[in-house]
């Protein structure tokens, strides 16, 4: 059993270190979100990817932790969705319902900054990124993943974070941005414990 877990841990570590690619894009123009996904699925058959509204993402660790939990859910047969990218979206949002998760963290016409997550080799991820840039424009900027004071209210509303929760975190010695990040990641972790 221990040896198997060690192999799983190595596989998971390799997946997270080598096959998880997260890009931030700012100032995009998404005319039709459904067409964007349909086109990417047609061009990149068999490639798993996901696109999020960057205003609802609180950092690389938010995405990485969601991917980790989705991976573990699939390995244990506890996945909610049949699709790995959809499972990741569920964990990013901390929700069990796909429709609710999509409304919370998915992209729409009004989305201006996005987070593109690609699962696969660096070469494949680069090709997906190029196609997304061709389709929606924008400029590569990993800064859109980070929590900043401008997006805190959106994140609080999206994830149902109260001022009291934030004050409690700040009282424990972390700054405002880190407090919000920790609270969102707690919600991701909570979904994992509910299964």
N, C-alpha and C. Protein backbone atom coordinates (compact mmCIF):
# COMPACT_ATOMS: atom_id res chain seq x y z
N UNK A 1 0.83 -1.20 0.00
CA UNK A 1 0.00 0.00 0.00
C UNK A 1 0.87 1.25 0.00
N UNK A 2 1.88 1.31 0.87
CA UNK A 2 2.76 2.47 0.94
C UNK A 2 3.49 2.71 -0.37
N UNK A 3 3.96 1.63 -1.01
CA UNK A 3 4.67 1.75 -2.28
C UNK A 3 3.73 2.30 -3.36
N UNK A 4 2.49 1.82 -3.39
CA UNK A 4 1.51 2.31 -4.36
C UNK A 4 1.28 3.80 -4.16
N UNK A 5 1.10 4.22 -2.90
CA UNK A 5 0.86 5.64 -2.62
C UNK A 5 2.07 6.47 -3.04
N UNK A 6 3.27 5.92 -2.85
CA UNK A 6 4.47 6.62 -3.29
C UNK A 6 4.48 6.81 -4.80
N UNK A 7 4.07 5.77 -5.54
CA UNK A 7 4.00 5.88 -7.00
C UNK A 7 2.94 6.89 -7.40
N UNK A 8 1.80 6.87 -6.73
CA UNK A 8 0.75 7.83 -7.03
C UNK A 8 1.24 9.24 -6.75
N UNK A 9 1.94 9.40 -5.63
CA UNK A 9 2.45 10.72 -5.30
C UNK A 9 3.44 11.22 -6.35
N UNK A 10 4.29 10.33 -6.86
CA UNK A 10 5.24 10.72 -7.91
C UNK A 10 4.51 11.11 -9.19
N UNK A 11 3.50 10.33 -9.54
CA UNK A 11 2.72 10.62 -10.75
C UNK A 11 2.00 11.95 -10.60
N UNK A 12 1.40 12.16 -9.44
CA UNK A 12 0.69 13.41 -9.18
C UNK A 12 1.65 14.59 -9.20
N UNK A 13 2.80 14.44 -8.57
CA UNK A 13 3.79 15.52 -8.55
C UNK A 13 4.24 15.86 -9.97
N UNK A 14 4.50 14.83 -10.78
CA UNK A 14 4.90 15.08 -12.16
C UNK A 14 3.79 15.80 -12.92
N UNK A 15 2.56 15.35 -12.71
CA UNK A 15 1.42 15.98 -13.37
C UNK A 15 1.34 17.46 -13.00
N UNK A 16 1.44 17.76 -11.71
CA UNK A 16 1.34 19.15 -11.26
C UNK A 16 2.53 19.99 -11.71
N UNK A 17 3.72 19.38 -11.74
CA UNK A 17 4.93 20.13 -12.09
C UNK A 17 5.15 20.26 -13.59
N UNK A 18 4.75 19.25 -14.36
CA UNK A 18 5.08 19.25 -15.78
C UNK A 18 3.89 19.39 -16.72
N UNK A 19 2.72 18.95 -16.29
CA UNK A 19 1.58 18.91 -17.20
C UNK A 19 0.49 19.93 -16.87
N UNK A 20 0.70 20.75 -15.87
CA UNK A 20 -0.25 21.80 -15.51
C UNK A 20 0.33 23.14 -15.94
N UNK A 21 -0.37 23.80 -16.85
CA UNK A 21 0.09 25.10 -17.37
C UNK A 21 -1.02 26.12 -17.14
N UNK A 22 -0.67 27.19 -16.45
CA UNK A 22 -1.64 28.22 -16.09
C UNK A 22 -1.17 29.55 -16.64
N UNK A 23 -2.02 30.18 -17.45
CA UNK A 23 -1.69 31.46 -18.09
C UNK A 23 -2.74 32.50 -17.72
N UNK A 24 -2.30 33.72 -17.53
CA UNK A 24 -3.21 34.83 -17.34
C UNK A 24 -3.20 35.71 -18.57
N UNK A 25 -4.37 36.13 -19.00
CA UNK A 25 -4.49 37.04 -20.15
C UNK A 25 -5.36 38.22 -19.74
N UNK A 26 -4.90 39.42 -20.07
CA UNK A 26 -5.69 40.61 -19.75
C UNK A 26 -6.23 41.26 -21.02
N UNK A 27 -7.29 42.01 -20.84
CA UNK A 27 -7.92 42.77 -21.92
C UNK A 27 -8.35 41.89 -23.10
N UNK A 28 -9.02 40.80 -22.79
CA UNK A 28 -9.52 39.92 -23.84
C UNK A 28 -10.89 40.39 -24.31
N UNK A 29 -11.30 39.90 -25.46
CA UNK A 29 -12.61 40.21 -26.01
C UNK A 29 -13.28 38.89 -26.41
N UNK A 30 -14.13 38.39 -25.53
CA UNK A 30 -14.81 37.11 -25.77
C UNK A 30 -16.19 37.42 -26.34
N UNK A 31 -16.32 37.27 -27.65
CA UNK A 31 -17.60 37.57 -28.30
C UNK A 31 -18.63 36.48 -28.04
N UNK A 32 -18.18 35.22 -28.01
CA UNK A 32 -19.09 34.09 -27.82
C UNK A 32 -18.36 32.99 -27.05
N UNK A 33 -18.56 32.91 -25.74
CA UNK A 33 -17.87 31.90 -24.93
C UNK A 33 -18.09 30.47 -25.42
N UNK A 34 -19.32 30.15 -25.85
CA UNK A 34 -19.60 28.80 -26.33
C UNK A 34 -18.78 28.47 -27.57
N UNK A 35 -18.67 29.45 -28.48
CA UNK A 35 -17.88 29.24 -29.69
C UNK A 35 -16.40 29.05 -29.32
N UNK A 36 -15.91 29.82 -28.37
CA UNK A 36 -14.51 29.69 -27.94
C UNK A 36 -14.22 28.26 -27.51
N UNK A 37 -15.05 27.71 -26.64
CA UNK A 37 -14.84 26.34 -26.16
C UNK A 37 -15.02 25.32 -27.27
N UNK A 38 -16.05 25.50 -28.09
CA UNK A 38 -16.30 24.57 -29.19
C UNK A 38 -15.11 24.54 -30.15
N UNK A 39 -14.62 25.71 -30.50
CA UNK A 39 -13.49 25.81 -31.44
C UNK A 39 -12.23 25.17 -30.85
N UNK A 40 -11.95 25.45 -29.59
CA UNK A 40 -10.76 24.86 -28.96
C UNK A 40 -10.87 23.34 -28.90
N UNK A 41 -12.07 22.82 -28.63
CA UNK A 41 -12.25 21.36 -28.61
C UNK A 41 -12.07 20.74 -29.99
N UNK A 42 -12.49 21.47 -31.03
CA UNK A 42 -12.32 20.98 -32.41
C UNK A 42 -10.85 20.96 -32.81
N UNK A 43 -10.14 22.02 -32.49
CA UNK A 43 -8.73 22.14 -32.89
C UNK A 43 -7.83 21.24 -32.06
N UNK A 44 -8.14 21.12 -30.77
CA UNK A 44 -7.27 20.37 -29.86
C UNK A 44 -8.01 19.15 -29.30
N UNK A 45 -8.32 18.24 -30.18
CA UNK A 45 -9.03 17.01 -29.81
C UNK A 45 -8.19 16.24 -28.80
N UNK A 46 -8.81 15.85 -27.70
CA UNK A 46 -8.11 15.06 -26.69
C UNK A 46 -7.29 15.87 -25.71
N UNK A 47 -7.27 17.19 -25.86
CA UNK A 47 -6.51 18.04 -24.94
C UNK A 47 -7.48 18.61 -23.91
N UNK A 48 -7.14 18.46 -22.65
CA UNK A 48 -7.97 19.02 -21.58
C UNK A 48 -7.51 20.43 -21.27
N UNK A 49 -8.48 21.32 -21.13
CA UNK A 49 -8.20 22.72 -20.80
C UNK A 49 -9.41 23.29 -20.08
N UNK A 50 -9.22 24.43 -19.46
CA UNK A 50 -10.32 25.14 -18.82
C UNK A 50 -10.00 26.63 -18.85
N UNK A 51 -11.03 27.46 -18.89
CA UNK A 51 -10.87 28.91 -18.91
C UNK A 51 -11.73 29.49 -17.79
N UNK A 52 -11.12 30.37 -16.99
CA UNK A 52 -11.82 30.99 -15.87
C UNK A 52 -11.79 32.51 -15.99
N UNK A 53 -12.76 33.14 -15.36
CA UNK A 53 -12.76 34.59 -15.20
C UNK A 53 -11.70 34.91 -14.14
N UNK A 54 -10.67 35.64 -14.52
CA UNK A 54 -9.55 35.92 -13.62
C UNK A 54 -9.96 36.73 -12.40
N UNK A 55 -11.06 37.46 -12.49
CA UNK A 55 -11.51 38.27 -11.36
C UNK A 55 -11.97 37.40 -10.19
N UNK A 56 -12.16 36.10 -10.45
CA UNK A 56 -12.63 35.19 -9.40
C UNK A 56 -11.57 34.17 -9.00
N UNK A 57 -10.35 34.37 -9.46
CA UNK A 57 -9.24 33.49 -9.13
C UNK A 57 -8.30 34.24 -8.20
N UNK A 58 -7.84 33.57 -7.14
CA UNK A 58 -7.03 34.26 -6.14
C UNK A 58 -5.57 33.80 -6.13
N UNK A 59 -5.08 33.36 -7.27
CA UNK A 59 -3.67 33.00 -7.36
C UNK A 59 -3.46 31.63 -7.96
N UNK A 60 -2.20 31.37 -8.29
CA UNK A 60 -1.83 30.08 -8.86
C UNK A 60 -2.18 28.94 -7.90
N UNK A 61 -1.97 29.15 -6.60
CA UNK A 61 -2.25 28.09 -5.63
C UNK A 61 -3.73 27.72 -5.61
N UNK A 62 -4.60 28.68 -5.87
CA UNK A 62 -6.05 28.41 -5.97
C UNK A 62 -6.29 27.37 -7.07
N UNK A 63 -5.72 27.61 -8.23
CA UNK A 63 -5.89 26.69 -9.37
C UNK A 63 -5.21 25.36 -9.08
N UNK A 64 -3.98 25.41 -8.61
CA UNK A 64 -3.21 24.19 -8.35
C UNK A 64 -3.91 23.30 -7.32
N UNK A 65 -4.43 23.90 -6.26
CA UNK A 65 -5.11 23.13 -5.23
C UNK A 65 -6.39 22.50 -5.77
N UNK A 66 -7.10 23.23 -6.62
CA UNK A 66 -8.31 22.69 -7.25
C UNK A 66 -7.96 21.52 -8.16
N UNK A 67 -6.89 21.66 -8.94
CA UNK A 67 -6.44 20.58 -9.83
C UNK A 67 -6.04 19.36 -9.00
N UNK A 68 -5.31 19.58 -7.94
CA UNK A 68 -4.89 18.49 -7.05
C UNK A 68 -6.10 17.72 -6.52
N UNK A 69 -7.10 18.45 -6.05
CA UNK A 69 -8.30 17.80 -5.52
C UNK A 69 -9.10 17.09 -6.60
N UNK A 70 -9.18 17.68 -7.79
CA UNK A 70 -9.88 17.03 -8.90
C UNK A 70 -9.17 15.74 -9.29
N UNK A 71 -7.85 15.79 -9.35
CA UNK A 71 -7.04 14.62 -9.68
C UNK A 71 -7.29 13.50 -8.66
N UNK A 72 -7.24 13.87 -7.38
CA UNK A 72 -7.46 12.88 -6.32
C UNK A 72 -8.89 12.31 -6.37
N UNK A 73 -9.86 13.16 -6.68
CA UNK A 73 -11.25 12.69 -6.78
C UNK A 73 -11.38 11.66 -7.89
N UNK A 74 -10.76 11.92 -9.05
CA UNK A 74 -10.82 10.96 -10.15
C UNK A 74 -10.12 9.66 -9.78
N UNK A 75 -8.97 9.76 -9.15
CA UNK A 75 -8.22 8.56 -8.78
C UNK A 75 -9.00 7.69 -7.79
N UNK A 76 -9.75 8.35 -6.90
CA UNK A 76 -10.51 7.62 -5.88
C UNK A 76 -11.92 7.26 -6.33
N UNK A 77 -12.29 7.67 -7.55
CA UNK A 77 -13.63 7.40 -8.05
C UNK A 77 -14.71 8.25 -7.37
N UNK A 78 -14.33 9.40 -6.82
CA UNK A 78 -15.26 10.29 -6.13
C UNK A 78 -15.60 11.53 -6.95
N UNK A 79 -15.23 11.52 -8.22
CA UNK A 79 -15.47 12.70 -9.06
C UNK A 79 -16.97 12.93 -9.25
N UNK A 80 -17.33 14.20 -9.33
CA UNK A 80 -18.71 14.61 -9.54
C UNK A 80 -19.02 14.59 -11.04
N UNK A 81 -18.08 15.10 -11.83
CA UNK A 81 -18.24 15.19 -13.28
C UNK A 81 -17.49 14.05 -13.97
N UNK A 82 -17.90 13.75 -15.18
CA UNK A 82 -17.17 12.76 -15.99
C UNK A 82 -15.97 13.39 -16.68
N UNK A 83 -15.93 14.72 -16.70
CA UNK A 83 -14.89 15.46 -17.40
C UNK A 83 -13.90 16.06 -16.39
N UNK A 84 -12.60 15.81 -16.59
CA UNK A 84 -11.60 16.35 -15.67
C UNK A 84 -11.61 17.88 -15.64
N UNK A 85 -11.64 18.58 -16.79
CA UNK A 85 -11.68 20.05 -16.72
C UNK A 85 -12.91 20.59 -15.99
N UNK A 86 -14.04 19.93 -16.13
CA UNK A 86 -15.25 20.36 -15.41
C UNK A 86 -15.06 20.10 -13.91
N UNK A 87 -14.46 18.99 -13.56
CA UNK A 87 -14.18 18.69 -12.15
C UNK A 87 -13.27 19.77 -11.55
N UNK A 88 -12.29 20.20 -12.33
CA UNK A 88 -11.41 21.29 -11.86
C UNK A 88 -12.23 22.55 -11.62
N UNK A 89 -13.15 22.86 -12.54
CA UNK A 89 -13.99 24.04 -12.37
C UNK A 89 -14.82 23.94 -11.09
N UNK A 90 -15.34 22.75 -10.81
CA UNK A 90 -16.12 22.55 -9.58
C UNK A 90 -15.26 22.86 -8.36
N UNK A 91 -14.03 22.37 -8.36
CA UNK A 91 -13.15 22.62 -7.22
C UNK A 91 -12.71 24.09 -7.16
N UNK A 92 -12.44 24.71 -8.29
CA UNK A 92 -12.07 26.13 -8.28
C UNK A 92 -13.19 26.94 -7.64
N UNK A 93 -14.43 26.57 -7.94
CA UNK A 93 -15.58 27.31 -7.42
C UNK A 93 -16.01 26.86 -6.02
N UNK A 94 -15.58 25.67 -5.62
CA UNK A 94 -16.02 25.13 -4.34
C UNK A 94 -17.47 24.67 -4.37
N UNK A 95 -17.98 24.37 -5.56
CA UNK A 95 -19.39 23.99 -5.74
C UNK A 95 -19.52 22.55 -6.23
N UNK A 96 -20.66 21.95 -5.94
CA UNK A 96 -20.95 20.60 -6.43
C UNK A 96 -21.81 20.62 -7.70
N UNK A 97 -22.42 21.76 -8.00
CA UNK A 97 -23.31 21.86 -9.15
C UNK A 97 -22.60 22.57 -10.30
N UNK A 98 -22.60 21.94 -11.45
CA UNK A 98 -21.87 22.47 -12.61
C UNK A 98 -22.40 23.83 -13.03
N UNK A 99 -23.71 23.98 -13.12
CA UNK A 99 -24.29 25.26 -13.53
C UNK A 99 -23.91 26.40 -12.61
N UNK A 100 -23.95 26.13 -11.32
CA UNK A 100 -23.58 27.14 -10.33
C UNK A 100 -22.09 27.48 -10.45
N UNK A 101 -21.26 26.46 -10.62
CA UNK A 101 -19.82 26.68 -10.76
C UNK A 101 -19.51 27.51 -12.00
N UNK A 102 -20.19 27.20 -13.09
CA UNK A 102 -19.98 27.93 -14.34
C UNK A 102 -20.33 29.40 -14.18
N UNK A 103 -21.44 29.68 -13.51
CA UNK A 103 -21.82 31.08 -13.27
C UNK A 103 -20.83 31.79 -12.36
N UNK A 104 -20.27 31.05 -11.42
CA UNK A 104 -19.35 31.66 -10.46
C UNK A 104 -18.00 32.01 -11.07
N UNK A 105 -17.39 31.07 -11.77
CA UNK A 105 -16.00 31.26 -12.20
C UNK A 105 -15.80 31.16 -13.71
N UNK A 106 -16.87 30.87 -14.46
CA UNK A 106 -16.76 30.76 -15.91
C UNK A 106 -16.64 32.11 -16.59
N UNK A 107 -16.35 32.07 -17.88
CA UNK A 107 -16.21 33.31 -18.65
C UNK A 107 -17.52 33.65 -19.35
N UNK A 108 -17.69 34.94 -19.62
CA UNK A 108 -18.85 35.43 -20.36
C UNK A 108 -18.37 36.57 -21.26
N UNK A 109 -19.27 37.17 -22.00
CA UNK A 109 -18.89 38.25 -22.92
C UNK A 109 -18.25 39.42 -22.19
N UNK A 110 -18.67 39.66 -20.95
CA UNK A 110 -18.16 40.80 -20.20
C UNK A 110 -16.79 40.55 -19.58
N UNK A 111 -16.34 39.31 -19.57
CA UNK A 111 -15.05 38.97 -18.96
C UNK A 111 -13.92 39.68 -19.71
N UNK A 112 -13.07 40.36 -18.97
CA UNK A 112 -11.95 41.10 -19.58
C UNK A 112 -10.59 40.44 -19.33
N UNK A 113 -10.47 39.70 -18.24
CA UNK A 113 -9.23 39.01 -17.90
C UNK A 113 -9.54 37.54 -17.67
N UNK A 114 -8.72 36.67 -18.22
CA UNK A 114 -8.98 35.23 -18.09
C UNK A 114 -7.77 34.48 -17.57
N UNK A 115 -8.06 33.31 -17.02
CA UNK A 115 -7.03 32.35 -16.65
C UNK A 115 -7.26 31.12 -17.52
N UNK A 116 -6.26 30.77 -18.29
CA UNK A 116 -6.30 29.59 -19.15
C UNK A 116 -5.49 28.49 -18.48
N UNK A 117 -6.11 27.34 -18.29
CA UNK A 117 -5.43 26.19 -17.69
C UNK A 117 -5.40 25.09 -18.74
N UNK A 118 -4.20 24.59 -19.02
CA UNK A 118 -4.03 23.52 -20.02
C UNK A 118 -3.32 22.35 -19.35
N UNK A 119 -3.83 21.15 -19.58
CA UNK A 119 -3.24 19.93 -19.03
C UNK A 119 -2.57 19.19 -20.18
N UNK A 120 -1.25 19.11 -20.14
CA UNK A 120 -0.52 18.43 -21.21
C UNK A 120 0.90 18.95 -21.29
N UNK A 121 1.56 18.63 -22.36
CA UNK A 121 2.96 19.05 -22.53
C UNK A 121 3.04 20.56 -22.71
N UNK A 122 4.23 21.09 -22.50
CA UNK A 122 4.46 22.52 -22.71
C UNK A 122 4.19 22.93 -24.14
N UNK A 123 4.52 22.06 -25.08
CA UNK A 123 4.30 22.35 -26.50
C UNK A 123 2.80 22.47 -26.80
N UNK A 124 2.02 21.55 -26.29
CA UNK A 124 0.57 21.59 -26.49
C UNK A 124 -0.01 22.83 -25.83
N UNK A 125 0.42 23.12 -24.61
CA UNK A 125 -0.09 24.29 -23.88
C UNK A 125 0.20 25.57 -24.65
N UNK A 126 1.37 25.65 -25.24
CA UNK A 126 1.75 26.83 -26.02
C UNK A 126 0.84 26.99 -27.24
N UNK A 127 0.50 25.88 -27.89
CA UNK A 127 -0.39 25.94 -29.05
C UNK A 127 -1.80 26.37 -28.66
N UNK A 128 -2.29 25.85 -27.53
CA UNK A 128 -3.62 26.24 -27.06
C UNK A 128 -3.61 27.73 -26.72
N UNK A 129 -2.57 28.18 -26.03
CA UNK A 129 -2.45 29.60 -25.68
C UNK A 129 -2.45 30.47 -26.94
N UNK A 130 -1.69 30.07 -27.94
CA UNK A 130 -1.64 30.84 -29.20
C UNK A 130 -3.03 30.95 -29.83
N UNK A 131 -3.77 29.85 -29.84
CA UNK A 131 -5.11 29.85 -30.44
C UNK A 131 -6.07 30.72 -29.63
N UNK A 132 -5.99 30.65 -28.31
CA UNK A 132 -6.85 31.50 -27.47
C UNK A 132 -6.53 32.97 -27.73
N UNK A 133 -5.25 33.31 -27.79
CA UNK A 133 -4.85 34.70 -28.07
C UNK A 133 -5.36 35.14 -29.44
N UNK A 134 -5.29 34.26 -30.42
CA UNK A 134 -5.78 34.58 -31.75
C UNK A 134 -7.28 34.85 -31.72
N UNK A 135 -8.00 34.09 -30.91
CA UNK A 135 -9.46 34.20 -30.88
C UNK A 135 -9.98 35.36 -30.04
N UNK A 136 -9.33 35.64 -28.92
CA UNK A 136 -9.88 36.66 -28.00
C UNK A 136 -8.95 37.84 -27.78
N UNK A 137 -7.77 37.80 -28.41
CA UNK A 137 -6.83 38.90 -28.23
C UNK A 137 -6.26 38.89 -26.83
N UNK A 138 -5.97 40.07 -26.35
CA UNK A 138 -5.44 40.18 -25.00
C UNK A 138 -3.93 40.08 -24.96
N UNK A 139 -3.42 40.24 -23.77
CA UNK A 139 -1.98 40.25 -23.55
C UNK A 139 -1.67 39.32 -22.38
N UNK A 140 -0.62 38.52 -22.54
CA UNK A 140 -0.19 37.60 -21.49
C UNK A 140 0.20 38.40 -20.25
N UNK A 141 -0.40 38.08 -19.10
CA UNK A 141 -0.08 38.76 -17.85
C UNK A 141 -0.49 37.87 -16.69
N UNK A 142 0.49 37.22 -16.07
CA UNK A 142 0.19 36.32 -14.95
C UNK A 142 -0.32 37.09 -13.73
N UNK A 143 -0.14 38.39 -13.73
CA UNK A 143 -0.62 39.21 -12.62
C UNK A 143 -2.12 39.17 -12.43
N UNK A 144 -2.87 38.80 -13.49
CA UNK A 144 -4.34 38.76 -13.35
C UNK A 144 -4.80 37.64 -12.41
N UNK A 145 -3.91 36.69 -12.13
CA UNK A 145 -4.26 35.62 -11.19
C UNK A 145 -4.25 36.09 -9.75
N UNK A 146 -3.44 37.08 -9.46
CA UNK A 146 -3.20 37.49 -8.07
C UNK A 146 -4.38 38.24 -7.47
N UNK A 147 -4.50 38.11 -6.16
CA UNK A 147 -5.50 38.88 -5.43
C UNK A 147 -4.97 40.31 -5.33
N UNK A 148 -5.83 41.25 -5.64
CA UNK A 148 -5.49 42.65 -5.41
C UNK A 148 -6.72 43.33 -4.83
N UNK A 149 -6.52 44.52 -4.34
CA UNK A 149 -7.63 45.22 -3.67
C UNK A 149 -8.81 45.46 -4.61
N UNK A 150 -8.54 45.59 -5.91
CA UNK A 150 -9.62 45.84 -6.88
C UNK A 150 -10.56 44.64 -7.02
N UNK A 151 -10.04 43.44 -6.89
CA UNK A 151 -10.90 42.28 -7.11
C UNK A 151 -11.44 41.66 -5.82
N UNK A 152 -11.05 42.19 -4.68
CA UNK A 152 -11.47 41.59 -3.41
C UNK A 152 -12.99 41.58 -3.25
N UNK A 153 -13.67 42.66 -3.58
CA UNK A 153 -15.13 42.69 -3.43
C UNK A 153 -15.81 41.65 -4.32
N UNK A 154 -15.31 41.51 -5.54
CA UNK A 154 -15.86 40.50 -6.46
C UNK A 154 -15.66 39.10 -5.88
N UNK A 155 -14.47 38.83 -5.37
CA UNK A 155 -14.16 37.51 -4.80
C UNK A 155 -15.02 37.26 -3.56
N UNK A 156 -15.17 38.26 -2.71
CA UNK A 156 -16.00 38.11 -1.51
C UNK A 156 -17.43 37.74 -1.90
N UNK A 157 -17.97 38.44 -2.86
CA UNK A 157 -19.35 38.18 -3.30
C UNK A 157 -19.47 36.80 -3.95
N UNK A 158 -18.52 36.47 -4.82
CA UNK A 158 -18.54 35.20 -5.54
C UNK A 158 -18.49 34.00 -4.59
N UNK A 159 -17.61 34.07 -3.59
CA UNK A 159 -17.39 32.93 -2.70
C UNK A 159 -18.11 33.05 -1.36
N UNK A 160 -18.92 34.11 -1.20
CA UNK A 160 -19.68 34.28 0.04
C UNK A 160 -18.80 34.48 1.26
N UNK A 161 -17.76 35.27 1.12
CA UNK A 161 -16.82 35.52 2.22
C UNK A 161 -17.29 36.75 2.99
N UNK A 162 -17.40 36.60 4.29
CA UNK A 162 -17.87 37.72 5.12
C UNK A 162 -16.70 38.58 5.60
N UNK A 163 -17.02 39.81 5.98
CA UNK A 163 -16.01 40.70 6.54
C UNK A 163 -15.45 40.11 7.84
N UNK A 164 -16.31 39.44 8.61
CA UNK A 164 -15.86 38.83 9.86
C UNK A 164 -14.80 37.76 9.60
N UNK A 165 -15.02 36.93 8.58
CA UNK A 165 -14.02 35.91 8.24
C UNK A 165 -12.69 36.55 7.89
N UNK A 166 -12.75 37.63 7.12
CA UNK A 166 -11.52 38.33 6.73
C UNK A 166 -10.84 38.93 7.95
N UNK A 167 -11.61 39.57 8.81
CA UNK A 167 -11.04 40.17 10.02
C UNK A 167 -10.38 39.12 10.90
N UNK A 168 -11.00 37.95 10.99
CA UNK A 168 -10.42 36.86 11.79
C UNK A 168 -9.08 36.43 11.22
N UNK A 169 -9.00 36.31 9.90
CA UNK A 169 -7.74 35.95 9.25
C UNK A 169 -6.68 37.03 9.48
N UNK A 170 -7.08 38.27 9.32
CA UNK A 170 -6.13 39.38 9.50
C UNK A 170 -5.65 39.42 10.94
N UNK A 171 -6.56 39.16 11.88
CA UNK A 171 -6.20 39.13 13.29
C UNK A 171 -5.14 38.07 13.56
N UNK A 172 -5.16 36.99 12.78
CA UNK A 172 -4.17 35.92 12.97
C UNK A 172 -2.81 36.28 12.37
N UNK A 173 -2.73 37.46 11.74
CA UNK A 173 -1.43 37.94 11.31
C UNK A 173 -1.17 37.97 9.82
N UNK A 174 -2.18 37.75 8.99
CA UNK A 174 -1.95 37.82 7.55
C UNK A 174 -2.56 39.10 6.99
N UNK A 175 -2.08 39.53 5.85
CA UNK A 175 -2.61 40.72 5.19
C UNK A 175 -3.95 40.44 4.53
N UNK A 176 -4.58 41.49 4.04
CA UNK A 176 -5.91 41.40 3.44
C UNK A 176 -5.93 40.44 2.25
N UNK A 177 -5.00 40.60 1.32
CA UNK A 177 -4.99 39.75 0.12
C UNK A 177 -4.78 38.28 0.49
N UNK A 178 -3.84 38.03 1.40
CA UNK A 178 -3.57 36.65 1.82
C UNK A 178 -4.77 36.06 2.56
N UNK A 179 -5.46 36.89 3.34
CA UNK A 179 -6.65 36.43 4.06
C UNK A 179 -7.72 35.96 3.08
N UNK A 180 -7.96 36.74 2.04
CA UNK A 180 -8.96 36.38 1.03
C UNK A 180 -8.54 35.10 0.31
N UNK A 181 -7.27 35.00 -0.05
CA UNK A 181 -6.77 33.80 -0.72
C UNK A 181 -6.98 32.56 0.15
N UNK A 182 -6.62 32.65 1.42
CA UNK A 182 -6.78 31.51 2.33
C UNK A 182 -8.24 31.09 2.45
N UNK A 183 -9.14 32.06 2.53
CA UNK A 183 -10.56 31.75 2.69
C UNK A 183 -11.14 31.07 1.45
N UNK A 184 -10.70 31.49 0.27
CA UNK A 184 -11.16 30.83 -0.96
C UNK A 184 -10.63 29.40 -1.01
N UNK A 185 -9.37 29.22 -0.70
CA UNK A 185 -8.77 27.88 -0.74
C UNK A 185 -9.44 26.97 0.30
N UNK A 186 -9.86 27.54 1.43
CA UNK A 186 -10.62 26.75 2.41
C UNK A 186 -11.91 26.22 1.80
N UNK A 187 -12.55 27.03 0.96
CA UNK A 187 -13.79 26.59 0.33
C UNK A 187 -13.53 25.48 -0.69
N UNK A 188 -12.40 25.55 -1.37
CA UNK A 188 -12.00 24.48 -2.28
C UNK A 188 -11.78 23.19 -1.48
N UNK A 189 -11.09 23.32 -0.35
CA UNK A 189 -10.82 22.16 0.50
C UNK A 189 -12.11 21.58 1.07
N UNK A 190 -13.05 22.45 1.39
CA UNK A 190 -14.32 22.00 1.95
C UNK A 190 -15.07 21.08 0.99
N UNK A 191 -15.02 21.40 -0.31
CA UNK A 191 -15.68 20.54 -1.30
C UNK A 191 -15.07 19.14 -1.27
N UNK A 192 -13.75 19.07 -1.12
CA UNK A 192 -13.07 17.77 -1.08
C UNK A 192 -13.52 16.95 0.12
N UNK A 193 -13.82 17.60 1.23
CA UNK A 193 -14.22 16.86 2.43
C UNK A 193 -15.69 16.44 2.38
N UNK A 194 -16.47 17.05 1.51
CA UNK A 194 -17.90 16.74 1.41
C UNK A 194 -18.17 15.50 0.57
N UNK A 195 -17.16 14.92 0.01
CA UNK A 195 -17.39 13.77 -0.88
C UNK A 195 -17.11 12.46 -0.20
